[in-house]
Structure formats: C-alpha cells, structure tokens
Amino acid sequence: MLVKFTPLGTAAEARPNETVLDTARRAGAPIGNSCGSIGVCGRCRVLVLAGAENLSPPTMIEMRVAGQRGFAPDERLACQAVVTGPVEVTTGYW
C-alpha cells in the first residue's frame, strides 16, 4: 500500500488502518493540520492523483467540510482518508 507524495518524490508504505496524513508524517511529507486529525480544519486537503478507489469512503465530517469549502471530487482530507491500496497525492503548496 504505497503512498506517493508528488512532486516531493517521497513515498511510504501505509500501515493497516492508517490515514494519508499518518503515512505522510512518516514519509516526511509536510501536510498542514491544526485540528488534531478530527477533520474540521480542512488544512490537510490533498488532491488524489491516482488510486482514489484505494481510499476509504469519505466520512460524514469529511463530506461536510468538503461541501463547505468547495472541494473538487478528487480532493480529500488526509486525516480522514484511510489507505487501502496504492495512492498518489499532492497539495497546492508543494
């Protein structure tokens, strides 16, 4: 379950039940977060470049935040998206 962080060129294997944010921290990929991973700040917004089907379905909190902030269909909260297979993500600030 490799998670690639583009264009940083870093990647890490996700552990079972691990979120994109958790994997990013181990890979040294800086993703903003100020709410303690409860999904309300929206700072960990990522764009899924590949493998969207390998992420858990959006949580109710994630759907609410995405609606309020106008997320595109291929954007997710890294703190809420659990990795189930290979994924590639980016952010607007890398």
Protein backbone atom coordinates (compact mmCIF):
# COMPACT_ATOMS: atom_id res chain seq x y z
CA MET A 1 0.00 0.00 0.00
CA LEU A 2 2.50 2.57 -1.22
CA VAL A 3 1.51 6.23 -0.84
CA LYS A 4 3.40 8.60 -3.14
CA PHE A 5 3.66 12.31 -2.42
CA THR A 6 4.10 14.20 -5.71
CA PRO A 7 6.09 16.32 -6.63
CA LEU A 8 8.12 15.84 -3.44
CA GLY A 9 9.39 12.48 -4.64
CA THR A 10 8.77 10.84 -1.28
CA ALA A 11 6.71 7.77 -0.53
CA ALA A 12 5.93 5.40 2.33
CA GLU A 13 4.11 2.14 2.86
CA ALA A 14 0.83 2.71 4.70
CA ARG A 15 0.24 0.54 7.73
CA PRO A 16 -3.13 -1.18 8.27
CA ASN A 17 -5.90 1.36 9.02
CA GLU A 18 -3.51 4.27 8.53
CA THR A 19 -4.63 7.58 7.03
CA VAL A 20 -2.88 9.51 4.29
CA LEU A 21 -1.84 12.06 6.94
CA ASP A 22 -0.25 9.44 9.18
CA THR A 23 1.65 8.00 6.23
CA ALA A 24 2.75 11.49 5.14
CA ARG A 25 4.21 12.18 8.57
CA ARG A 26 6.32 9.02 8.42
CA ALA A 27 7.42 9.90 4.87
CA GLY A 28 8.42 13.43 5.86
CA ALA A 29 5.82 14.96 3.55
CA PRO A 30 4.53 18.17 5.17
CA ILE A 31 0.75 18.29 5.25
CA GLY A 32 -0.99 21.02 7.25
CA ASN A 33 -3.12 20.03 10.22
CA SER A 34 -4.35 22.04 13.18
CA CYS A 35 -7.42 20.18 14.47
CA GLY A 36 -5.69 17.08 15.79
CA SER A 37 -6.93 14.93 12.90
CA ILE A 38 -10.63 15.19 13.73
CA GLY A 39 -11.38 16.53 10.26
CA VAL A 40 -12.70 20.01 10.89
CA CYS A 41 -9.87 22.40 9.99
CA GLY A 42 -9.52 21.38 6.33
CA ARG A 43 -5.78 22.16 6.32
CA CYS A 44 -4.87 18.59 5.31
CA ARG A 45 -6.71 18.82 1.99
CA VAL A 46 -4.98 16.76 -0.69
CA LEU A 47 -5.61 16.19 -4.37
CA VAL A 48 -5.71 12.49 -5.25
CA LEU A 49 -3.75 11.99 -8.48
CA ALA A 50 -4.12 8.21 -8.63
CA GLY A 51 -5.70 5.42 -6.60
CA ALA A 52 -8.81 7.19 -5.32
CA GLU A 53 -10.51 3.79 -5.23
CA ASN A 54 -7.86 2.74 -2.70
CA LEU A 55 -9.05 5.18 -0.06
CA SER A 56 -11.88 4.66 2.40
CA PRO A 57 -15.18 6.35 1.57
CA PRO A 58 -15.48 9.94 2.85
CA THR A 59 -16.64 10.24 6.46
CA MET A 60 -19.65 12.40 7.37
CA ILE A 61 -17.29 15.04 8.78
CA GLU A 62 -15.23 14.99 5.59
CA MET A 63 -18.32 15.37 3.39
CA ARG A 64 -19.50 18.34 5.45
CA VAL A 65 -16.10 20.08 5.32
CA ALA A 66 -15.73 19.32 1.61
CA GLY A 67 -19.14 20.83 0.90
CA GLN A 68 -18.46 23.93 2.99
CA ARG A 69 -15.06 24.54 1.37
CA GLY A 70 -15.94 23.57 -2.18
CA PHE A 71 -13.67 20.54 -2.58
CA ALA A 72 -13.38 19.06 -6.06
CA PRO A 73 -14.46 15.40 -6.38
CA ASP A 74 -10.81 14.27 -6.34
CA GLU A 75 -9.90 16.16 -3.14
CA ARG A 76 -9.87 14.50 0.27
CA LEU A 77 -8.95 15.26 3.86
CA ALA A 78 -5.70 13.39 4.51
CA CYS A 79 -6.63 12.90 8.17
CA GLN A 80 -9.85 11.09 7.26
CA ALA A 81 -8.85 9.06 4.18
CA VAL A 82 -7.70 5.58 5.23
CA VAL A 83 -5.33 3.93 2.76
CA THR A 84 -6.39 0.50 1.44
CA GLY A 85 -4.08 0.30 -1.59
CA PRO A 86 -1.60 2.30 -3.70
CA VAL A 87 -2.31 6.05 -3.80
CA GLU A 88 -0.62 9.18 -5.16
CA VAL A 89 -1.46 12.61 -3.75
CA THR A 90 -0.34 16.22 -3.95
CA THR A 91 -1.24 19.55 -2.36
CA GLY A 92 -1.46 23.09 -3.63
CA TYR A 93 1.55 24.19 -1.57
CA TRP A 94 4.27 21.67 -2.52
